[in-house]
Amino acid sequence: MNSKEAELLFQAGALEAPVIQKHASGDGWTVTLEGKHKLNPMLETARGQTRVFKRLDAAVGVLFEVGFGEITIVKTNKLLLM
């Protein structure tokens, strides 16, 4: 799903707390948005590819814009809450 779809789903109460994790390549961060929806849970670009954020603060900023107040960040075995 793209960020606009995420915003609409958030307003409808269909999303749970998002999880930001290191991208498989190790270069950047991806966002998973689980909840009561049938869309791809990964935040995507407008062209439908997984959105990879180069900086962690950029990923957090997008999620705050969507409306989330709490975000889980996962890097290997460590879990951080913001």
Protein backbone atom coordinates (compact mmCIF):
# COMPACT_ATOMS: atom_id res chain seq x y z
CA MET A 1 0.00 0.00 0.00
CA ASN A 2 1.13 3.55 -0.56
CA SER A 3 1.17 6.26 2.10
CA LYS A 4 -2.19 7.75 1.02
CA GLU A 5 -3.90 4.35 1.37
CA ALA A 6 -2.19 3.96 4.75
CA GLU A 7 -3.53 7.31 5.90
CA LEU A 8 -7.09 6.36 4.93
CA LEU A 9 -6.81 2.96 6.63
CA PHE A 10 -5.37 4.59 9.75
CA GLN A 11 -8.29 7.03 9.92
CA ALA A 12 -10.68 4.08 9.57
CA GLY A 13 -8.96 2.29 12.46
CA ALA A 14 -7.86 -0.61 10.27
CA LEU A 15 -4.11 -0.45 11.02
CA GLU A 16 -2.12 -1.72 13.98
CA ALA A 17 1.19 -0.23 15.17
CA PRO A 18 3.68 -0.14 12.29
CA VAL A 19 7.03 -1.91 12.33
CA ILE A 20 10.15 -0.42 10.76
CA GLN A 21 12.93 -2.89 10.04
CA LYS A 22 16.27 -3.03 8.25
CA HIS A 23 15.90 -3.84 4.56
CA ALA A 24 17.16 -7.30 3.54
CA SER A 25 20.04 -5.73 1.63
CA GLY A 26 21.11 -3.82 4.75
CA ASP A 27 20.82 -0.52 2.86
CA GLY A 28 17.83 1.29 4.27
CA TRP A 29 14.60 0.65 6.13
CA THR A 30 11.20 -0.83 5.20
CA VAL A 31 7.80 -0.36 6.86
CA THR A 32 5.20 -3.06 7.57
CA LEU A 33 1.61 -2.02 8.26
CA GLU A 34 -0.41 -4.96 9.59
CA GLY A 35 -4.09 -4.70 10.37
CA LYS A 36 -7.61 -5.37 9.15
CA HIS A 37 -7.04 -4.95 5.43
CA LYS A 38 -6.33 -7.07 2.38
CA LEU A 39 -3.60 -4.88 0.90
CA ASN A 40 0.10 -5.65 0.83
CA PRO A 41 1.30 -4.86 4.39
CA MET A 42 4.56 -3.31 3.11
CA LEU A 43 4.63 0.43 2.45
CA GLU A 44 5.12 0.80 -1.31
CA THR A 45 6.10 3.39 -3.90
CA ALA A 46 3.52 4.73 -6.35
CA ARG A 47 4.69 2.03 -8.81
CA GLY A 48 4.00 -0.80 -6.38
CA GLN A 49 7.57 -1.60 -5.33
CA THR A 50 8.58 -1.92 -1.68
CA ARG A 51 9.52 1.53 -0.43
CA VAL A 52 13.03 1.54 1.02
CA PHE A 53 13.91 4.57 3.12
CA LYS A 54 17.60 5.53 3.16
CA ARG A 55 17.26 7.18 6.57
CA LEU A 56 15.34 5.99 9.60
CA ASP A 57 14.04 9.46 10.39
CA ALA A 58 12.43 9.66 6.94
CA ALA A 59 10.48 6.44 7.58
CA VAL A 60 9.40 7.67 11.01
CA GLY A 61 8.36 11.03 9.54
CA VAL A 62 6.08 9.40 6.97
CA LEU A 63 4.42 7.30 9.67
CA PHE A 64 3.88 10.34 11.87
CA GLU A 65 2.29 12.09 8.86
CA VAL A 66 -0.05 9.10 8.43
CA GLY A 67 -1.11 9.65 12.04
CA PHE A 68 0.70 7.02 14.11
CA GLY A 69 1.85 7.99 17.60
CA GLU A 70 3.82 4.84 18.40
CA ILE A 71 6.22 3.04 16.07
CA THR A 72 8.23 -0.15 16.57
CA ILE A 73 11.75 -0.25 15.11
CA VAL A 74 13.54 -3.57 14.65
CA LYS A 75 17.23 -3.95 13.86
CA THR A 76 18.44 -7.56 14.04
CA ASN A 77 17.60 -8.78 17.54
CA LYS A 78 17.04 -5.40 19.19
CA LEU A 79 13.63 -3.80 19.57
CA LEU A 80 13.28 -0.03 20.04
CA LEU A 81 10.07 1.94 20.65
CA MET A 82 9.56 5.54 19.63
